[in-house]
Amino acid sequence: MAEEKKPGLSYKARRRWSLVILVIGLPLYIVAVVTVVNWLDRPPIWVELLVYVVLGVLWALPFKFVFRGVGKEDPDQF
């Protein structure tokens, strides 16, 4: 019987990509956000906090499918 292939990234690929995103992508994103906030000439603290909170959540939304289930055991392992 032939093994069924699931669409999308494999478990190992998702683990690798999540590591790349967290180790390389997240620090680059943080530097970019801090740079953009510095261009705003020090807004009121509540505006600055709001910007950081919103952008802190928004970075993860496009990568939701990559991080899903990465902390669990490999589902394809028997």
PDB file of N, CA and C in Angstrom:
ATOM      1  N   MET A   1       0.851  -1.172   0.000  1.00  0.00           N
ATOM      2  CA  MET A   1       0.000   0.000   0.000  1.00  0.00           C
ATOM      3  C   MET A   1       0.900   1.240   0.000  1.00  0.00           C
ATOM      4  N   ALA A   2       0.608   2.165  -0.864  1.00  0.00           N
ATOM      5  CA  ALA A   2       1.404   3.393  -0.958  1.00  0.00           C
ATOM      6  C   ALA A   2       1.062   4.323   0.197  1.00  0.00           C
ATOM      7  N   GLU A   3       2.089   5.020   0.666  1.00  0.00           N
ATOM      8  CA  GLU A   3       1.912   5.943   1.783  1.00  0.00           C
ATOM      9  C   GLU A   3       1.275   7.243   1.279  1.00  0.00           C
ATOM     10  N   GLU A   4       0.282   7.739   2.003  1.00  0.00           N
ATOM     11  CA  GLU A   4      -0.379   8.986   1.610  1.00  0.00           C
ATOM     12  C   GLU A   4       0.497  10.176   1.969  1.00  0.00           C
ATOM     13  N   LYS A   5       0.616  11.119   1.052  1.00  0.00           N
ATOM     14  CA  LYS A   5       1.368  12.344   1.310  1.00  0.00           C
ATOM     15  C   LYS A   5       0.393  13.433   1.743  1.00  0.00           C
ATOM     16  N   LYS A   6       0.707  14.073   2.844  1.00  0.00           N
ATOM     17  CA  LYS A   6      -0.117  15.176   3.329  1.00  0.00           C
ATOM     18  C   LYS A   6       0.331  16.454   2.642  1.00  0.00           C
ATOM     19  N   PRO A   7      -0.606  17.339   2.314  1.00  0.00           N
ATOM     20  CA  PRO A   7      -0.202  18.615   1.720  1.00  0.00           C
ATOM     21  C   PRO A   7       0.476  19.506   2.749  1.00  0.00           C
ATOM     22  N   GLY A   8       1.362  20.363   2.294  1.00  0.00           N
ATOM     23  CA  GLY A   8       2.025  21.300   3.194  1.00  0.00           C
ATOM     24  C   GLY A   8       3.392  20.797   3.623  1.00  0.00           C
ATOM     25  N   LEU A   9       3.943  21.473   4.612  1.00  0.00           N
ATOM     26  CA  LEU A   9       5.273  21.147   5.110  1.00  0.00           C
ATOM     27  C   LEU A   9       5.248  19.931   6.024  1.00  0.00           C
ATOM     28  N   SER A  10       6.311  19.159   5.977  1.00  0.00           N
ATOM     29  CA  SER A  10       6.432  18.029   6.883  1.00  0.00           C
ATOM     30  C   SER A  10       6.729  18.542   8.293  1.00  0.00           C
ATOM     31  N   TYR A  11       6.650  17.643   9.258  1.00  0.00           N
ATOM     32  CA  TYR A  11       6.910  18.017  10.645  1.00  0.00           C
ATOM     33  C   TYR A  11       8.335  18.524  10.808  1.00  0.00           C
ATOM     34  N   LYS A  12       9.305  17.823  10.217  1.00  0.00           N
ATOM     35  CA  LYS A  12      10.708  18.237  10.331  1.00  0.00           C
ATOM     36  C   LYS A  12      10.941  19.584   9.665  1.00  0.00           C
ATOM     37  N   ALA A  13      10.317  19.799   8.521  1.00  0.00           N
ATOM     38  CA  ALA A  13      10.469  21.086   7.835  1.00  0.00           C
ATOM     39  C   ALA A  13       9.865  22.219   8.659  1.00  0.00           C
ATOM     40  N   ARG A  14       8.715  21.970   9.272  1.00  0.00           N
ATOM     41  CA  ARG A  14       8.104  22.993  10.127  1.00  0.00           C
ATOM     42  C   ARG A  14       8.982  23.316  11.316  1.00  0.00           C
ATOM     43  N   ARG A  15       9.609  22.286  11.916  1.00  0.00           N
ATOM     44  CA  ARG A  15      10.525  22.523  13.044  1.00  0.00           C
ATOM     45  C   ARG A  15      11.713  23.355  12.621  1.00  0.00           C
ATOM     46  N   ARG A  16      12.277  23.039  11.471  1.00  0.00           N
ATOM     47  CA  ARG A  16      13.434  23.796  10.980  1.00  0.00           C
ATOM     48  C   ARG A  16      13.052  25.243  10.679  1.00  0.00           C
ATOM     49  N   TRP A  17      11.941  25.433   9.959  1.00  0.00           N
ATOM     50  CA  TRP A  17      11.518  26.788   9.615  1.00  0.00           C
ATOM     51  C   TRP A  17      11.158  27.593  10.858  1.00  0.00           C
ATOM     52  N   SER A  18      10.549  26.962  11.852  1.00  0.00           N
ATOM     53  CA  SER A  18      10.209  27.695  13.071  1.00  0.00           C
ATOM     54  C   SER A  18      11.481  28.156  13.786  1.00  0.00           C
ATOM     55  N   LEU A  19      12.512  27.332  13.771  1.00  0.00           N
ATOM     56  CA  LEU A  19      13.783  27.718  14.375  1.00  0.00           C
ATOM     57  C   LEU A  19      14.415  28.887  13.617  1.00  0.00           C
ATOM     58  N   VAL A  20      14.400  28.838  12.298  1.00  0.00           N
ATOM     59  CA  VAL A  20      14.940  29.937  11.483  1.00  0.00           C
ATOM     60  C   VAL A  20      14.165  31.223  11.746  1.00  0.00           C
ATOM     61  N   ILE A  21      12.854  31.115  11.792  1.00  0.00           N
ATOM     62  CA  ILE A  21      12.019  32.300  12.034  1.00  0.00           C
ATOM     63  C   ILE A  21      12.321  32.903  13.396  1.00  0.00           C
ATOM     64  N   LEU A  22      12.446  32.068  14.423  1.00  0.00           N
ATOM     65  CA  LEU A  22      12.677  32.582  15.774  1.00  0.00           C
ATOM     66  C   LEU A  22      14.091  33.105  15.985  1.00  0.00           C
ATOM     67  N   VAL A  23      15.087  32.467  15.383  1.00  0.00           N
ATOM     68  CA  VAL A  23      16.480  32.853  15.624  1.00  0.00           C
ATOM     69  C   VAL A  23      16.935  33.992  14.715  1.00  0.00           C
ATOM     70  N   ILE A  24      16.460  34.020  13.489  1.00  0.00           N
ATOM     71  CA  ILE A  24      16.908  35.049  12.539  1.00  0.00           C
ATOM     72  C   ILE A  24      15.814  36.085  12.285  1.00  0.00           C
ATOM     73  N   GLY A  25      14.613  35.615  11.977  1.00  0.00           N
ATOM     74  CA  GLY A  25      13.538  36.524  11.591  1.00  0.00           C
ATOM     75  C   GLY A  25      13.028  37.414  12.698  1.00  0.00           C
ATOM     76  N   LEU A  26      12.841  36.862  13.877  1.00  0.00           N
ATOM     77  CA  LEU A  26      12.297  37.652  14.989  1.00  0.00           C
ATOM     78  C   LEU A  26      13.228  38.782  15.414  1.00  0.00           C
ATOM     79  N   PRO A  27      14.535  38.543  15.578  1.00  0.00           N
ATOM     80  CA  PRO A  27      15.415  39.677  15.913  1.00  0.00           C
ATOM     81  C   PRO A  27      15.425  40.763  14.834  1.00  0.00           C
ATOM     82  N   LEU A  28      15.387  40.360  13.563  1.00  0.00           N
ATOM     83  CA  LEU A  28      15.328  41.354  12.487  1.00  0.00           C
ATOM     84  C   LEU A  28      14.029  42.154  12.556  1.00  0.00           C
ATOM     85  N   TYR A  29      12.930  41.486  12.862  1.00  0.00           N
ATOM     86  CA  TYR A  29      11.642  42.158  12.995  1.00  0.00           C
ATOM     87  C   TYR A  29      11.657  43.137  14.168  1.00  0.00           C
ATOM     88  N   ILE A  30      12.271  42.734  15.271  1.00  0.00           N
ATOM     89  CA  ILE A  30      12.345  43.609  16.447  1.00  0.00           C
ATOM     90  C   ILE A  30      13.137  44.870  16.124  1.00  0.00           C
ATOM     91  N   VAL A  31      14.258  44.713  15.442  1.00  0.00           N
ATOM     92  CA  VAL A  31      15.065  45.877  15.053  1.00  0.00           C
ATOM     93  C   VAL A  31      14.264  46.789  14.134  1.00  0.00           C
ATOM     94  N   ALA A  32      13.533  46.213  13.190  1.00  0.00           N
ATOM     95  CA  ALA A  32      12.724  47.021  12.279  1.00  0.00           C
ATOM     96  C   ALA A  32      11.629  47.784  13.020  1.00  0.00           C
ATOM     97  N   VAL A  33      10.951  47.134  13.961  1.00  0.00           N
ATOM     98  CA  VAL A  33       9.880  47.791  14.723  1.00  0.00           C
ATOM     99  C   VAL A  33      10.434  48.921  15.580  1.00  0.00           C
ATOM    100  N   VAL A  34      11.547  48.672  16.260  1.00  0.00           N
ATOM    101  CA  VAL A  34      12.140  49.717  17.098  1.00  0.00           C
ATOM    102  C   VAL A  34      12.573  50.897  16.241  1.00  0.00           C
ATOM    103  N   THR A  35      13.104  50.630  15.058  1.00  0.00           N
ATOM    104  CA  THR A  35      13.505  51.706  14.146  1.00  0.00           C
ATOM    105  C   THR A  35      12.299  52.540  13.718  1.00  0.00           C
ATOM    106  N   VAL A  36      11.218  51.872  13.383  1.00  0.00           N
ATOM    107  CA  VAL A  36      10.005  52.593  12.960  1.00  0.00           C
ATOM    108  C   VAL A  36       9.445  53.426  14.108  1.00  0.00           C
ATOM    109  N   VAL A  37       9.416  52.871  15.311  1.00  0.00           N
ATOM    110  CA  VAL A  37       8.902  53.623  16.461  1.00  0.00           C
ATOM    111  C   VAL A  37       9.801  54.821  16.758  1.00  0.00           C
ATOM    112  N   ASN A  38      11.102  54.682  16.583  1.00  0.00           N
ATOM    113  CA  ASN A  38      12.019  55.813  16.793  1.00  0.00           C
ATOM    114  C   ASN A  38      11.784  56.933  15.786  1.00  0.00           C
ATOM    115  N   TRP A  39      11.313  56.591  14.586  1.00  0.00           N
ATOM    116  CA  TRP A  39      10.995  57.611  13.592  1.00  0.00           C
ATOM    117  C   TRP A  39       9.790  58.455  14.005  1.00  0.00           C
ATOM    118  N   LEU A  40       8.980  57.960  14.936  1.00  0.00           N
ATOM    119  CA  LEU A  40       7.776  58.677  15.366  1.00  0.00           C
ATOM    120  C   LEU A  40       8.074  59.795  16.367  1.00  0.00           C
ATOM    121  N   ASP A  41       9.326  60.066  16.645  1.00  0.00           N
ATOM    122  CA  ASP A  41       9.730  61.139  17.570  1.00  0.00           C
ATOM    123  C   ASP A  41       9.087  60.996  18.945  1.00  0.00           C
ATOM    124  N   ARG A  42       9.239  59.850  19.528  1.00  0.00           N
ATOM    125  CA  ARG A  42       8.793  59.547  20.892  1.00  0.00           C
ATOM    126  C   ARG A  42       7.333  59.961  21.144  1.00  0.00           C
ATOM    127  N   PRO A  43       6.401  59.112  20.682  1.00  0.00           N
ATOM    128  CA  PRO A  43       4.979  59.396  20.930  1.00  0.00           C
ATOM    129  C   PRO A  43       4.653  59.183  22.407  1.00  0.00           C
ATOM    130  N   PRO A  44       3.444  59.536  22.821  1.00  0.00           N
ATOM    131  CA  PRO A  44       3.051  59.262  24.214  1.00  0.00           C
ATOM    132  C   PRO A  44       3.229  57.775  24.528  1.00  0.00           C
ATOM    133  N   ILE A  45       3.481  57.483  25.784  1.00  0.00           N
ATOM    134  CA  ILE A  45       3.810  56.117  26.194  1.00  0.00           C
ATOM    135  C   ILE A  45       2.705  55.131  25.847  1.00  0.00           C
ATOM    136  N   TRP A  46       1.452  55.530  25.944  1.00  0.00           N
ATOM    137  CA  TRP A  46       0.357  54.613  25.637  1.00  0.00           C
ATOM    138  C   TRP A  46       0.304  54.285  24.150  1.00  0.00           C
ATOM    139  N   VAL A  47       0.659  55.262  23.298  1.00  0.00           N
ATOM    140  CA  VAL A  47       0.696  55.005  21.847  1.00  0.00           C
ATOM    141  C   VAL A  47       1.848  54.053  21.528  1.00  0.00           C
ATOM    142  N   GLU A  48       2.987  54.312  22.148  1.00  0.00           N
ATOM    143  CA  GLU A  48       4.144  53.461  21.923  1.00  0.00           C
ATOM    144  C   GLU A  48       3.866  52.024  22.391  1.00  0.00           C
ATOM    145  N   LEU A  49       3.254  51.888  23.551  1.00  0.00           N
ATOM    146  CA  LEU A  49       2.906  50.569  24.067  1.00  0.00           C
ATOM    147  C   LEU A  49       1.923  49.859  23.143  1.00  0.00           C
ATOM    148  N   LEU A  50       0.930  50.587  22.663  1.00  0.00           N
ATOM    149  CA  LEU A  50      -0.055  50.022  21.747  1.00  0.00           C
ATOM    150  C   LEU A  50       0.609  49.532  20.459  1.00  0.00           C
ATOM    151  N   VAL A  51       1.527  50.330  19.925  1.00  0.00           N
ATOM    152  CA  VAL A  51       2.238  49.942  18.699  1.00  0.00           C
ATOM    153  C   VAL A  51       3.030  48.657  18.941  1.00  0.00           C
ATOM    154  N   TYR A  52       3.758  48.593  20.060  1.00  0.00           N
ATOM    155  CA  TYR A  52       4.546  47.395  20.358  1.00  0.00           C
ATOM    156  C   TYR A  52       3.667  46.168  20.558  1.00  0.00           C
ATOM    157  N   VAL A  53       2.530  46.317  21.229  1.00  0.00           N
ATOM    158  CA  VAL A  53       1.638  45.177  21.469  1.00  0.00           C
ATOM    159  C   VAL A  53       1.045  44.682  20.149  1.00  0.00           C
ATOM    160  N   VAL A  54       0.542  45.605  19.338  1.00  0.00           N
ATOM    161  CA  VAL A  54      -0.072  45.215  18.058  1.00  0.00           C
ATOM    162  C   VAL A  54       0.961  44.554  17.146  1.00  0.00           C
ATOM    163  N   LEU A  55       2.126  45.174  16.995  1.00  0.00           N
ATOM    164  CA  LEU A  55       3.147  44.599  16.129  1.00  0.00           C
ATOM    165  C   LEU A  55       3.743  43.326  16.718  1.00  0.00           C
ATOM    166  N   GLY A  56       3.714  43.200  18.039  1.00  0.00           N
ATOM    167  CA  GLY A  56       4.191  41.981  18.677  1.00  0.00           C
ATOM    168  C   GLY A  56       3.307  40.783  18.396  1.00  0.00           C
ATOM    169  N   VAL A  57       2.037  41.021  18.172  1.00  0.00           N
ATOM    170  CA  VAL A  57       1.119  39.932  17.834  1.00  0.00           C
ATOM    171  C   VAL A  57       1.101  39.697  16.321  1.00  0.00           C
ATOM    172  N   LEU A  58       1.175  40.755  15.552  1.00  0.00           N
ATOM    173  CA  LEU A  58       1.071  40.636  14.093  1.00  0.00           C
ATOM    174  C   LEU A  58       2.195  39.835  13.454  1.00  0.00           C
ATOM    175  N   TRP A  59       3.392  39.831  14.044  1.00  0.00           N
ATOM    176  CA  TRP A  59       4.500  39.123  13.405  1.00  0.00           C
ATOM    177  C   TRP A  59       4.235  37.620  13.321  1.00  0.00           C
ATOM    178  N   ALA A  60       3.503  37.075  14.257  1.00  0.00           N
ATOM    179  CA  ALA A  60       3.304  35.626  14.311  1.00  0.00           C
ATOM    180  C   ALA A  60       2.156  35.136  13.429  1.00  0.00           C
ATOM    181  N   LEU A  61       1.236  35.989  13.080  1.00  0.00           N
ATOM    182  CA  LEU A  61       0.065  35.542  12.322  1.00  0.00           C
ATOM    183  C   LEU A  61       0.405  34.891  10.979  1.00  0.00           C
ATOM    184  N   PRO A  62       1.311  35.452  10.183  1.00  0.00           N
ATOM    185  CA  PRO A  62       1.614  34.780   8.902  1.00  0.00           C
ATOM    186  C   PRO A  62       2.295  33.419   9.081  1.00  0.00           C
ATOM    187  N   PHE A  63       2.905  33.182  10.232  1.00  0.00           N
ATOM    188  CA  PHE A  63       3.654  31.948  10.458  1.00  0.00           C
ATOM    189  C   PHE A  63       2.910  30.954  11.337  1.00  0.00           C
ATOM    190  N   LYS A  64       1.634  31.181  11.529  1.00  0.00           N
ATOM    191  CA  LYS A  64       0.832  30.335  12.412  1.00  0.00           C
ATOM    192  C   LYS A  64       0.894  28.865  11.992  1.00  0.00           C
ATOM    193  N   PHE A  65       0.836  28.601  10.692  1.00  0.00           N
ATOM    194  CA  PHE A  65       0.853  27.224  10.206  1.00  0.00           C
ATOM    195  C   PHE A  65       2.203  26.556  10.441  1.00  0.00           C
ATOM    196  N   VAL A  66       3.275  27.336  10.493  1.00  0.00           N
ATOM    197  CA  VAL A  66       4.606  26.768  10.722  1.00  0.00           C
ATOM    198  C   VAL A  66       4.752  26.327  12.172  1.00  0.00           C
ATOM    199  N   PHE A  67       4.263  27.125  13.103  1.00  0.00           N
ATOM    200  CA  PHE A  67       4.439  26.843  14.521  1.00  0.00           C
ATOM    201  C   PHE A  67       3.438  25.819  15.070  1.00  0.00           C
ATOM    202  N   ARG A  68       2.371  25.533  14.339  1.00  0.00           N
ATOM    203  CA  ARG A  68       1.325  24.648  14.833  1.00  0.00           C
ATOM    204  C   ARG A  68       1.859  23.224  15.044  1.00  0.00           C
ATOM    205  N   GLY A  69       1.817  22.744  16.278  1.00  0.00           N
ATOM    206  CA  GLY A  69       2.194  21.380  16.601  1.00  0.00           C
ATOM    207  C   GLY A  69       3.676  21.109  16.687  1.00  0.00           C
ATOM    208  N   VAL A  70       4.512  22.128  16.607  1.00  0.00           N
ATOM    209  CA  VAL A  70       5.964  21.920  16.607  1.00  0.00           C
ATOM    210  C   VAL A  70       6.458  21.435  17.962  1.00  0.00           C
ATOM    211  N   GLY A  71       5.830  21.823  19.032  1.00  0.00           N
ATOM    212  CA  GLY A  71       6.269  21.420  20.359  1.00  0.00           C
ATOM    213  C   GLY A  71       5.852  20.021  20.758  1.00  0.00           C
ATOM    214  N   LYS A  72       5.059  19.371  19.928  1.00  0.00           N
ATOM    215  CA  LYS A  72       4.587  18.012  20.232  1.00  0.00           C
ATOM    216  C   LYS A  72       5.462  16.987  19.528  1.00  0.00           C
ATOM    217  N   GLU A  73       5.225  15.708  19.812  1.00  0.00           N
ATOM    218  CA  GLU A  73       5.958  14.642  19.153  1.00  0.00           C
ATOM    219  C   GLU A  73       5.596  14.580  17.678  1.00  0.00           C
ATOM    220  N   ASP A  74       6.496  14.003  16.888  1.00  0.00           N
ATOM    221  CA  ASP A  74       6.290  13.868  15.454  1.00  0.00           C
ATOM    222  C   ASP A  74       5.077  12.961  15.216  1.00  0.00           C
ATOM    223  N   PRO A  75       4.036  13.474  14.562  1.00  0.00           N
ATOM    224  CA  PRO A  75       2.832  12.660  14.342  1.00  0.00           C
ATOM    225  C   PRO A  75       3.061  11.534  13.319  1.00  0.00           C
ATOM    226  N   ASP A  76       4.086  11.657  12.482  1.00  0.00           N
ATOM    227  CA  ASP A  76       4.349  10.639  11.470  1.00  0.00           C
ATOM    228  C   ASP A  76       5.238   9.514  11.989  1.00  0.00           C
ATOM    229  N   GLN A  77       5.785   9.688  13.192  1.00  0.00           N
ATOM    230  CA  GLN A  77       6.654   8.668  13.752  1.00  0.00           C
ATOM    231  C   GLN A  77       5.819   7.551  14.362  1.00  0.00           C
ATOM    232  N   PHE A  78       6.201   6.320  14.093  1.00  0.00           N
ATOM    233  CA  PHE A  78       5.403   5.192  14.563  1.00  0.00           C
ATOM    234  C   PHE A  78       5.975   4.674  15.824  1.00  0.00           C
TER     235      PHE A  78
END
